[in-house]
Amino acid sequence: MAKYEGKNSSFALRLKQHRELCRLTQQQVADILNINRTTYTKYETGVSEPSHEVLRKIVSIFGTDYNTLLGNGSSFLPIVQDPDDTLKLYNLSNDEKKLLIAYRAMSDENKADTLNKIKEKLEIANKCFRIAWG
């Protein structure tokens, strides 16, 4: 297990805050990480800490950086700052959450490829919509 220089309680708190901000359950995060929920719960309660590989995955899932998650930054900042509450990311369906998490875990090359494919699908859908609705 990796040790984070006495920042265990800070890390545990920030980990929980990020998970809750993403509106994910402990079980959902554990499933994505391919670990038991009890193992993940130990990370959030400060009983144990993730390996470097698991930490890398956690950072990717929550769309944050190591410094923020480990408490090396000045303060906890939400992943998405939306003062007008226009994005309403907390209203994502489970499928939308899964897509976002999968996207965040992709390499830059796979992200670009995926975005191009989505754009193609949207163009087709828009053409169909215009034809159907004139």
Protein backbone atom coordinates (compact mmCIF):
# COMPACT_ATOMS: atom_id res chain seq x y z
CA MET A 1 0.00 0.00 0.00
CA ALA A 2 1.19 3.49 -0.74
CA LYS A 3 1.69 5.87 2.15
CA TYR A 4 0.76 9.52 1.83
CA GLU A 5 2.88 11.15 4.50
CA GLY A 6 0.33 11.43 7.28
CA LYS A 7 -2.40 12.89 5.13
CA ASN A 8 -4.59 9.85 5.61
CA SER A 9 -7.55 11.64 7.18
CA SER A 10 -7.32 14.47 4.66
CA PHE A 11 -7.13 11.99 1.80
CA ALA A 12 -10.07 9.98 3.16
CA LEU A 13 -12.21 13.10 3.49
CA ARG A 14 -11.32 14.39 0.04
CA LEU A 15 -11.95 10.97 -1.47
CA LYS A 16 -15.44 10.89 0.03
CA GLN A 17 -16.12 14.48 -1.05
CA HIS A 18 -15.15 13.72 -4.64
CA ARG A 19 -17.28 10.58 -4.72
CA GLU A 20 -20.30 12.42 -3.34
CA LEU A 21 -19.76 15.32 -5.74
CA CYS A 22 -19.87 12.82 -8.60
CA ARG A 23 -23.05 11.34 -7.09
CA LEU A 24 -21.57 7.87 -7.01
CA THR A 25 -22.05 5.25 -4.34
CA GLN A 26 -19.15 3.45 -2.72
CA GLN A 27 -20.29 0.30 -4.51
CA GLN A 28 -20.24 2.03 -7.92
CA VAL A 29 -16.70 3.29 -7.39
CA ALA A 30 -15.56 -0.10 -6.09
CA ASP A 31 -17.08 -1.81 -9.15
CA ILE A 32 -15.27 0.57 -11.49
CA LEU A 33 -12.01 -0.05 -9.63
CA ASN A 34 -12.60 -3.80 -9.64
CA ILE A 35 -12.26 -4.04 -5.85
CA ASN A 36 -14.59 -4.98 -2.98
CA ARG A 37 -16.78 -2.24 -1.53
CA THR A 38 -15.30 -2.91 1.91
CA THR A 39 -11.83 -2.23 0.54
CA TYR A 40 -12.99 1.07 -0.93
CA THR A 41 -14.79 1.95 2.32
CA LYS A 42 -11.49 1.52 4.15
CA TYR A 43 -9.97 4.19 1.88
CA GLU A 44 -12.76 6.64 2.74
CA THR A 45 -12.52 5.96 6.47
CA GLY A 46 -8.73 6.18 6.57
CA VAL A 47 -8.26 2.57 7.67
CA SER A 48 -6.11 1.81 4.62
CA GLU A 49 -4.84 3.53 1.50
CA PRO A 50 -4.94 2.51 -2.15
CA SER A 51 -1.95 1.34 -4.14
CA HIS A 52 -0.47 3.79 -6.62
CA GLU A 53 -2.27 1.99 -9.48
CA VAL A 54 -5.65 2.22 -7.74
CA LEU A 55 -4.97 5.86 -6.86
CA ARG A 56 -4.27 6.58 -10.54
CA LYS A 57 -7.65 5.08 -11.43
CA ILE A 58 -9.41 7.07 -8.69
CA VAL A 59 -7.91 10.31 -9.96
CA SER A 60 -9.14 9.44 -13.45
CA ILE A 61 -12.64 8.49 -12.29
CA PHE A 62 -13.15 11.73 -10.38
CA GLY A 63 -11.54 13.92 -13.02
CA THR A 64 -9.20 15.54 -10.53
CA ASP A 65 -5.45 15.58 -9.94
CA TYR A 66 -3.21 13.92 -7.38
CA ASN A 67 -2.46 17.12 -5.46
CA THR A 68 -6.10 17.94 -4.92
CA LEU A 69 -7.03 14.43 -3.89
CA LEU A 70 -4.03 13.98 -1.60
CA GLY A 71 -4.55 17.33 0.10
CA ASN A 72 -1.44 18.99 -1.27
CA GLY A 73 -3.48 21.79 -2.82
CA SER A 74 -4.67 24.88 -0.99
CA SER A 75 -8.24 23.66 -0.59
CA PHE A 76 -10.84 21.30 -1.90
CA LEU A 77 -12.40 22.58 -5.11
CA PRO A 78 -15.33 20.94 -6.83
CA ILE A 79 -14.52 19.17 -10.08
CA VAL A 80 -17.06 21.25 -11.98
CA GLN A 81 -17.62 24.83 -11.03
CA ASP A 82 -21.10 25.74 -12.20
CA PRO A 83 -22.25 28.86 -10.31
CA ASP A 84 -25.48 29.12 -12.31
CA ASP A 85 -26.21 25.44 -11.74
CA THR A 86 -26.86 25.16 -15.47
CA LEU A 87 -25.02 21.90 -16.07
CA LYS A 88 -26.81 19.97 -13.31
CA LEU A 89 -24.26 17.19 -13.49
CA TYR A 90 -25.69 15.72 -10.34
CA ASN A 91 -28.79 14.74 -12.34
CA LEU A 92 -26.92 12.35 -14.60
CA SER A 93 -28.49 8.95 -15.12
CA ASN A 94 -26.47 5.87 -14.17
CA ASP A 95 -25.72 5.23 -17.85
CA GLU A 96 -24.50 8.81 -18.29
CA LYS A 97 -22.27 8.45 -15.23
CA LYS A 98 -20.81 5.23 -16.62
CA LEU A 99 -20.10 6.90 -19.96
CA LEU A 100 -18.40 9.86 -18.28
CA ILE A 101 -16.29 7.62 -16.05
CA ALA A 102 -15.28 5.43 -18.99
CA TYR A 103 -14.37 8.54 -21.01
CA ARG A 104 -12.22 9.93 -18.21
CA ALA A 105 -10.31 6.65 -18.02
CA MET A 106 -9.47 6.68 -21.76
CA SER A 107 -6.19 7.72 -23.31
CA ASP A 108 -6.17 11.07 -25.13
CA GLU A 109 -6.15 9.22 -28.46
CA ASN A 110 -9.21 7.14 -27.51
CA LYS A 111 -10.99 10.25 -26.22
CA ALA A 112 -10.46 12.01 -29.56
CA ASP A 113 -11.64 8.95 -31.49
CA THR A 114 -14.72 8.62 -29.28
CA LEU A 115 -15.62 12.31 -29.65
CA ASN A 116 -15.33 12.05 -33.44
CA LYS A 117 -17.64 9.04 -33.47
CA ILE A 118 -20.16 10.84 -31.27
CA LYS A 119 -20.05 13.89 -33.55
CA GLU A 120 -20.75 11.64 -36.55
CA LYS A 121 -23.73 10.05 -34.77
CA LEU A 122 -25.07 13.47 -33.79
CA GLU A 123 -24.82 14.71 -37.37
CA ILE A 124 -26.82 11.69 -38.55
CA ALA A 125 -29.37 12.18 -35.78
CA ASN A 126 -29.70 15.89 -36.62
CA LYS A 127 -30.30 15.08 -40.30
CA CYS A 128 -32.98 12.57 -39.36
CA PHE A 129 -34.56 15.09 -37.01
CA ARG A 130 -34.64 17.80 -39.69
CA ILE A 131 -36.20 15.38 -42.19
CA ALA A 132 -38.82 14.20 -39.71
CA TRP A 133 -39.72 17.64 -38.36
CA GLY A 134 -39.10 19.69 -41.50
